[in-house]
Amino acid sequence: MDQIKIGKFIAACRKEKGYTQASLAEELGITDRAVSKWETGKSLPDSSIMLELCELLSINVNELLKGEHMDMEEYAKASQEIILDFKKRDEEKTRFLLKVETSMGILVVISFATIVLLGAFLMNQNHLLGTGLIVLSLVLLIGFIPIAIRIEQSAGYYQCKECNYCYVPTYSQVFMAPHYGRTRYMKCPNCGKRSYQKKMITKE
């Protein structure tokens, strides 16, 4: 999506309808600064107000996201392009989150090992300091686990080995499931069978 083009389109439609940035913002219950950011291409309208914005400007969501008025043939083509664009953005976000999880995991493991070794080394010289460092390392490790599980649970999908159904499990399912890497032993909500299910970026 071309945010600059969308911004100019919003500005043109706003002016056609006789709204100022302030009056449009008031209708939507937001600040005129937010409208200004849309029109300069710095951000896009939040999905929660897109329908209301389109209604006020007498356009549809496809036209808004395409940044231009469309006839029926263009409308159908744009629908497909927008769906594919959203899918691509979602995939990129999922890959990014999983990379963040991996990077955080490596950093936490290195930090944990370093602090434990330092704590053990200092134990003979200063028992309190050594113990404190070891406790700190455990807090660091334990604090990271729920963050990693939340990313693992929400980013992408798991695919059932038995029926190939792709789904997003609950946090507790992921937390309790035996695993190796990003493959977890869970019960499929579709076929009800348990199997080692692989993490998928997209539904297949």
C-alpha atoms as a PDB file:
ATOM      1  CA  MET A   1       0.000   0.000   0.000  1.00  0.00           C
ATOM      2  CA  ASP A   2       1.172   3.477  -0.929  1.00  0.00           C
ATOM      3  CA  GLN A   3       0.654   5.553   2.233  1.00  0.00           C
ATOM      4  CA  ILE A   4       1.460   8.833   0.455  1.00  0.00           C
ATOM      5  CA  LYS A   5      -1.176   8.130  -2.224  1.00  0.00           C
ATOM      6  CA  ILE A   6      -3.720   7.068   0.420  1.00  0.00           C
ATOM      7  CA  GLY A   7      -3.005  10.247   2.399  1.00  0.00           C
ATOM      8  CA  LYS A   8      -3.569  12.499  -0.617  1.00  0.00           C
ATOM      9  CA  PHE A   9      -6.784  10.616  -1.403  1.00  0.00           C
ATOM     10  CA  ILE A  10      -8.093  11.090   2.145  1.00  0.00           C
ATOM     11  CA  ALA A  11      -7.267  14.801   1.965  1.00  0.00           C
ATOM     12  CA  ALA A  12      -9.054  15.187  -1.396  1.00  0.00           C
ATOM     13  CA  CYS A  13     -12.164  13.290  -0.191  1.00  0.00           C
ATOM     14  CA  ARG A  14     -12.213  15.301   3.042  1.00  0.00           C
ATOM     15  CA  LYS A  15     -12.159  18.586   1.135  1.00  0.00           C
ATOM     16  CA  GLU A  16     -14.876  17.359  -1.270  1.00  0.00           C
ATOM     17  CA  LYS A  17     -17.101  16.683   1.739  1.00  0.00           C
ATOM     18  CA  GLY A  18     -16.336  20.097   3.238  1.00  0.00           C
ATOM     19  CA  TYR A  19     -14.527  18.820   6.322  1.00  0.00           C
ATOM     20  CA  THR A  20     -11.519  20.472   7.884  1.00  0.00           C
ATOM     21  CA  GLN A  21      -8.969  18.184   9.541  1.00  0.00           C
ATOM     22  CA  ALA A  22     -10.344  19.300  12.897  1.00  0.00           C
ATOM     23  CA  SER A  23     -14.017  18.678  12.027  1.00  0.00           C
ATOM     24  CA  LEU A  24     -13.281  15.244  10.542  1.00  0.00           C
ATOM     25  CA  ALA A  25     -11.264  14.353  13.622  1.00  0.00           C
ATOM     26  CA  GLU A  26     -14.140  15.471  15.844  1.00  0.00           C
ATOM     27  CA  GLU A  27     -16.592  13.249  13.942  1.00  0.00           C
ATOM     28  CA  LEU A  28     -14.271  10.281  14.443  1.00  0.00           C
ATOM     29  CA  GLY A  29     -13.441  11.070  18.068  1.00  0.00           C
ATOM     30  CA  ILE A  30      -9.719  11.457  17.404  1.00  0.00           C
ATOM     31  CA  THR A  31      -7.229  14.336  17.218  1.00  0.00           C
ATOM     32  CA  ASP A  32      -6.675  16.458  14.110  1.00  0.00           C
ATOM     33  CA  ARG A  33      -3.006  15.501  14.468  1.00  0.00           C
ATOM     34  CA  ALA A  34      -3.950  11.900  13.604  1.00  0.00           C
ATOM     35  CA  VAL A  35      -5.772  13.073  10.457  1.00  0.00           C
ATOM     36  CA  SER A  36      -2.733  15.159   9.518  1.00  0.00           C
ATOM     37  CA  LYS A  37      -0.503  12.081   9.838  1.00  0.00           C
ATOM     38  CA  TRP A  38      -2.785  10.128   7.492  1.00  0.00           C
ATOM     39  CA  GLU A  39      -2.794  12.880   4.900  1.00  0.00           C
ATOM     40  CA  THR A  40       0.990  13.259   4.930  1.00  0.00           C
ATOM     41  CA  GLY A  41       1.447   9.485   4.594  1.00  0.00           C
ATOM     42  CA  LYS A  42       3.059   9.051   8.007  1.00  0.00           C
ATOM     43  CA  SER A  43       0.440   6.543   9.193  1.00  0.00           C
ATOM     44  CA  LEU A  44      -2.761   4.775   8.160  1.00  0.00           C
ATOM     45  CA  PRO A  45      -6.182   4.995   9.828  1.00  0.00           C
ATOM     46  CA  ASP A  46      -6.685   2.369  12.513  1.00  0.00           C
ATOM     47  CA  SER A  47      -8.848  -0.558  11.413  1.00  0.00           C
ATOM     48  CA  SER A  48     -11.322   0.221  14.214  1.00  0.00           C
ATOM     49  CA  ILE A  49     -12.359   3.507  12.548  1.00  0.00           C
ATOM     50  CA  MET A  50     -11.852   2.683   8.857  1.00  0.00           C
ATOM     51  CA  LEU A  51     -15.529   1.904   8.215  1.00  0.00           C
ATOM     52  CA  GLU A  52     -16.695   5.101   9.923  1.00  0.00           C
ATOM     53  CA  LEU A  53     -14.116   7.150   8.022  1.00  0.00           C
ATOM     54  CA  CYS A  54     -15.213   5.604   4.713  1.00  0.00           C
ATOM     55  CA  GLU A  55     -18.854   6.344   5.518  1.00  0.00           C
ATOM     56  CA  LEU A  56     -18.057   9.996   6.254  1.00  0.00           C
ATOM     57  CA  LEU A  57     -16.058  10.334   3.026  1.00  0.00           C
ATOM     58  CA  SER A  58     -18.559   8.292   0.925  1.00  0.00           C
ATOM     59  CA  ILE A  59     -15.952   5.778  -0.207  1.00  0.00           C
ATOM     60  CA  ASN A  60     -15.409   2.077   0.460  1.00  0.00           C
ATOM     61  CA  VAL A  61     -12.510   0.404   2.262  1.00  0.00           C
ATOM     62  CA  ASN A  62     -10.933  -0.864  -0.966  1.00  0.00           C
ATOM     63  CA  GLU A  63     -10.881   2.648  -2.387  1.00  0.00           C
ATOM     64  CA  LEU A  64      -9.397   3.954   0.845  1.00  0.00           C
ATOM     65  CA  LEU A  65      -6.586   1.368   0.870  1.00  0.00           C
ATOM     66  CA  LYS A  66      -5.980   1.777  -2.862  1.00  0.00           C
ATOM     67  CA  GLY A  67      -5.990   5.575  -2.627  1.00  0.00           C
ATOM     68  CA  GLU A  68      -8.340   6.198  -5.542  1.00  0.00           C
ATOM     69  CA  HIS A  69     -11.932   5.876  -6.769  1.00  0.00           C
ATOM     70  CA  MET A  70     -12.592   2.627  -8.631  1.00  0.00           C
ATOM     71  CA  ASP A  71     -15.136   1.068 -10.964  1.00  0.00           C
ATOM     72  CA  MET A  72     -16.424  -2.493 -10.385  1.00  0.00           C
ATOM     73  CA  GLU A  73     -13.662  -4.211 -12.388  1.00  0.00           C
ATOM     74  CA  GLU A  74     -10.957  -2.234 -10.592  1.00  0.00           C
ATOM     75  CA  TYR A  75     -12.755  -2.914  -7.292  1.00  0.00           C
ATOM     76  CA  ALA A  76     -12.521  -6.709  -7.731  1.00  0.00           C
ATOM     77  CA  LYS A  77      -8.857  -6.530  -8.731  1.00  0.00           C
ATOM     78  CA  ALA A  78      -8.020  -4.194  -5.847  1.00  0.00           C
ATOM     79  CA  SER A  79      -9.738  -6.514  -3.367  1.00  0.00           C
ATOM     80  CA  GLN A  80      -7.377  -9.327  -4.306  1.00  0.00           C
ATOM     81  CA  GLU A  81      -4.321  -7.055  -4.207  1.00  0.00           C
ATOM     82  CA  ILE A  82      -5.249  -5.687  -0.775  1.00  0.00           C
ATOM     83  CA  ILE A  83      -5.866  -9.172   0.651  1.00  0.00           C
ATOM     84  CA  LEU A  84      -2.486 -10.333  -0.675  1.00  0.00           C
ATOM     85  CA  ASP A  85      -0.799  -7.217   0.705  1.00  0.00           C
ATOM     86  CA  PHE A  86      -2.276  -7.762   4.165  1.00  0.00           C
ATOM     87  CA  LYS A  87      -1.255 -11.427   4.013  1.00  0.00           C
ATOM     88  CA  LYS A  88       2.307 -10.443   3.076  1.00  0.00           C
ATOM     89  CA  ARG A  89       2.475  -7.891   5.921  1.00  0.00           C
ATOM     90  CA  ASP A  90       1.157 -10.500   8.368  1.00  0.00           C
ATOM     91  CA  GLU A  91       3.796 -13.011   7.238  1.00  0.00           C
ATOM     92  CA  GLU A  92       6.562 -10.411   7.608  1.00  0.00           C
ATOM     93  CA  LYS A  93       5.326  -9.531  11.101  1.00  0.00           C
ATOM     94  CA  THR A  94       5.259 -13.222  12.098  1.00  0.00           C
ATOM     95  CA  ARG A  95       8.798 -13.813  10.807  1.00  0.00           C
ATOM     96  CA  PHE A  96       9.997 -10.700  12.622  1.00  0.00           C
ATOM     97  CA  LEU A  97       8.434 -11.799  15.942  1.00  0.00           C
ATOM     98  CA  LEU A  98       9.965 -15.276  15.675  1.00  0.00           C
ATOM     99  CA  LYS A  99      13.370 -13.749  14.904  1.00  0.00           C
ATOM    100  CA  VAL A 100      12.989 -11.477  17.946  1.00  0.00           C
ATOM    101  CA  GLU A 101      12.157 -14.518  20.082  1.00  0.00           C
ATOM    102  CA  THR A 102      15.241 -16.379  18.822  1.00  0.00           C
ATOM    103  CA  SER A 103      17.526 -13.377  19.349  1.00  0.00           C
ATOM    104  CA  MET A 104      16.135 -12.774  22.839  1.00  0.00           C
ATOM    105  CA  GLY A 105      16.571 -16.472  23.674  1.00  0.00           C
ATOM    106  CA  ILE A 106      20.219 -16.465  22.624  1.00  0.00           C
ATOM    107  CA  LEU A 107      20.881 -13.250  24.541  1.00  0.00           C
ATOM    108  CA  VAL A 108      19.153 -14.564  27.687  1.00  0.00           C
ATOM    109  CA  VAL A 109      21.018 -17.894  27.585  1.00  0.00           C
ATOM    110  CA  ILE A 110      24.381 -16.145  27.166  1.00  0.00           C
ATOM    111  CA  SER A 111      23.533 -13.683  29.953  1.00  0.00           C
ATOM    112  CA  PHE A 112      22.314 -16.500  32.205  1.00  0.00           C
ATOM    113  CA  ALA A 113      25.469 -18.553  31.708  1.00  0.00           C
ATOM    114  CA  THR A 114      27.745 -15.535  32.180  1.00  0.00           C
ATOM    115  CA  ILE A 115      26.036 -14.386  35.395  1.00  0.00           C
ATOM    116  CA  VAL A 116      25.967 -17.934  36.838  1.00  0.00           C
ATOM    117  CA  LEU A 117      29.682 -18.421  36.146  1.00  0.00           C
ATOM    118  CA  LEU A 118      30.485 -15.012  37.622  1.00  0.00           C
ATOM    119  CA  GLY A 119      28.333 -15.790  40.672  1.00  0.00           C
ATOM    120  CA  ALA A 120      30.026 -19.142  41.165  1.00  0.00           C
ATOM    121  CA  PHE A 121      33.463 -17.511  40.830  1.00  0.00           C
ATOM    122  CA  LEU A 122      32.607 -14.834  43.412  1.00  0.00           C
ATOM    123  CA  MET A 123      30.989 -17.298  45.822  1.00  0.00           C
ATOM    124  CA  ASN A 124      34.265 -17.959  47.666  1.00  0.00           C
ATOM    125  CA  GLN A 125      35.207 -14.283  47.901  1.00  0.00           C
ATOM    126  CA  ASN A 126      31.779 -12.813  48.639  1.00  0.00           C
ATOM    127  CA  HIS A 127      29.091 -15.388  49.348  1.00  0.00           C
ATOM    128  CA  LEU A 128      26.247 -12.828  49.397  1.00  0.00           C
ATOM    129  CA  LEU A 129      27.233 -11.241  46.081  1.00  0.00           C
ATOM    130  CA  GLY A 130      27.742 -14.627  44.423  1.00  0.00           C
ATOM    131  CA  THR A 131      24.359 -15.869  45.616  1.00  0.00           C
ATOM    132  CA  GLY A 132      22.723 -12.619  44.494  1.00  0.00           C
ATOM    133  CA  LEU A 133      24.123 -12.983  40.969  1.00  0.00           C
ATOM    134  CA  ILE A 134      22.918 -16.578  40.682  1.00  0.00           C
ATOM    135  CA  VAL A 135      19.445 -15.557  41.869  1.00  0.00           C
ATOM    136  CA  LEU A 136      19.492 -12.690  39.343  1.00  0.00           C
ATOM    137  CA  SER A 137      20.317 -15.119  36.544  1.00  0.00           C
ATOM    138  CA  LEU A 138      17.390 -17.338  37.527  1.00  0.00           C
ATOM    139  CA  VAL A 139      15.028 -14.336  37.621  1.00  0.00           C
ATOM    140  CA  LEU A 140      16.227 -13.331  34.144  1.00  0.00           C
ATOM    141  CA  LEU A 141      15.634 -16.819  32.778  1.00  0.00           C
ATOM    142  CA  ILE A 142      12.235 -17.267  34.440  1.00  0.00           C
ATOM    143  CA  GLY A 143      11.126 -13.796  33.339  1.00  0.00           C
ATOM    144  CA  PHE A 144      11.967 -14.567  29.715  1.00  0.00           C
ATOM    145  CA  ILE A 145       9.986 -17.834  29.539  1.00  0.00           C
ATOM    146  CA  PRO A 146       6.439 -16.353  29.541  1.00  0.00           C
ATOM    147  CA  ILE A 147       7.472 -13.709  26.975  1.00  0.00           C
ATOM    148  CA  ALA A 148       8.908 -16.381  24.671  1.00  0.00           C
ATOM    149  CA  ILE A 149       5.825 -18.574  25.062  1.00  0.00           C
ATOM    150  CA  ARG A 150       3.495 -15.638  24.288  1.00  0.00           C
ATOM    151  CA  ILE A 151       5.397 -14.907  21.051  1.00  0.00           C
ATOM    152  CA  GLU A 152       5.478 -18.614  20.183  1.00  0.00           C
ATOM    153  CA  GLN A 153       1.738 -18.897  20.797  1.00  0.00           C
ATOM    154  CA  SER A 154       0.559 -15.812  18.922  1.00  0.00           C
ATOM    155  CA  ALA A 155       2.950 -15.624  15.939  1.00  0.00           C
ATOM    156  CA  GLY A 156       1.870 -17.847  13.050  1.00  0.00           C
ATOM    157  CA  TYR A 157       0.067 -21.175  13.349  1.00  0.00           C
ATOM    158  CA  TYR A 158       0.596 -24.791  14.371  1.00  0.00           C
ATOM    159  CA  GLN A 159      -0.212 -27.529  11.861  1.00  0.00           C
ATOM    160  CA  CYS A 160      -1.673 -30.852  12.971  1.00  0.00           C
ATOM    161  CA  LYS A 161       0.347 -33.786  11.664  1.00  0.00           C
ATOM    162  CA  GLU A 162      -2.777 -35.958  11.425  1.00  0.00           C
ATOM    163  CA  CYS A 163      -5.259 -33.737   9.521  1.00  0.00           C
ATOM    164  CA  ASN A 164      -3.057 -30.771   8.445  1.00  0.00           C
ATOM    165  CA  TYR A 165      -5.377 -28.322  10.199  1.00  0.00           C
ATOM    166  CA  CYS A 166      -3.673 -25.005  11.027  1.00  0.00           C
ATOM    167  CA  TYR A 167      -4.689 -23.097  14.139  1.00  0.00           C
ATOM    168  CA  VAL A 168      -3.540 -20.744  16.908  1.00  0.00           C
ATOM    169  CA  PRO A 169      -3.429 -22.628  20.241  1.00  0.00           C
ATOM    170  CA  THR A 170      -4.111 -21.091  23.628  1.00  0.00           C
ATOM    171  CA  TYR A 171      -1.282 -19.859  25.830  1.00  0.00           C
ATOM    172  CA  SER A 172      -1.828 -22.728  28.288  1.00  0.00           C
ATOM    173  CA  GLN A 173      -1.686 -25.322  25.479  1.00  0.00           C
ATOM    174  CA  VAL A 174       1.708 -24.029  24.346  1.00  0.00           C
ATOM    175  CA  PHE A 175       2.971 -23.651  27.925  1.00  0.00           C
ATOM    176  CA  MET A 176       2.080 -27.232  28.879  1.00  0.00           C
ATOM    177  CA  ALA A 177       3.110 -28.922  25.615  1.00  0.00           C
ATOM    178  CA  PRO A 178       6.313 -31.016  25.406  1.00  0.00           C
ATOM    179  CA  HIS A 179       8.414 -29.659  22.569  1.00  0.00           C
ATOM    180  CA  TYR A 180      11.642 -29.595  20.632  1.00  0.00           C
ATOM    181  CA  GLY A 181      12.463 -26.363  18.855  1.00  0.00           C
ATOM    182  CA  ARG A 182       9.176 -24.925  17.586  1.00  0.00           C
ATOM    183  CA  THR A 183       7.443 -28.310  17.291  1.00  0.00           C
ATOM    184  CA  ARG A 184       5.010 -29.037  20.132  1.00  0.00           C
ATOM    185  CA  TYR A 185       3.002 -32.076  21.165  1.00  0.00           C
ATOM    186  CA  MET A 186      -0.598 -30.840  21.347  1.00  0.00           C
ATOM    187  CA  LYS A 187      -4.205 -31.890  20.788  1.00  0.00           C
ATOM    188  CA  CYS A 188      -5.682 -30.690  17.498  1.00  0.00           C
ATOM    189  CA  PRO A 189      -9.006 -28.814  17.954  1.00  0.00           C
ATOM    190  CA  ASN A 190     -10.161 -30.108  14.561  1.00  0.00           C
ATOM    191  CA  CYS A 191      -9.556 -33.888  14.658  1.00  0.00           C
ATOM    192  CA  GLY A 192      -8.970 -34.230  18.418  1.00  0.00           C
ATOM    193  CA  LYS A 193      -5.771 -36.248  17.961  1.00  0.00           C
ATOM    194  CA  ARG A 194      -2.456 -35.515  19.658  1.00  0.00           C
ATOM    195  CA  SER A 195       0.690 -35.198  17.596  1.00  0.00           C
ATOM    196  CA  TYR A 196       3.902 -33.215  17.292  1.00  0.00           C
ATOM    197  CA  GLN A 197       2.759 -30.118  15.445  1.00  0.00           C
ATOM    198  CA  LYS A 198       5.066 -27.800  13.527  1.00  0.00           C
ATOM    199  CA  LYS A 199       5.041 -24.016  13.687  1.00  0.00           C
ATOM    200  CA  MET A 200       3.871 -22.526  10.365  1.00  0.00           C
ATOM    201  CA  ILE A 201       4.199 -18.925   9.157  1.00  0.00           C
ATOM    202  CA  THR A 202       0.956 -19.131   7.157  1.00  0.00           C
ATOM    203  CA  LYS A 203      -1.989 -21.507   6.832  1.00  0.00           C
ATOM    204  CA  GLU A 204      -1.503 -24.132   4.159  1.00  0.00           C
END
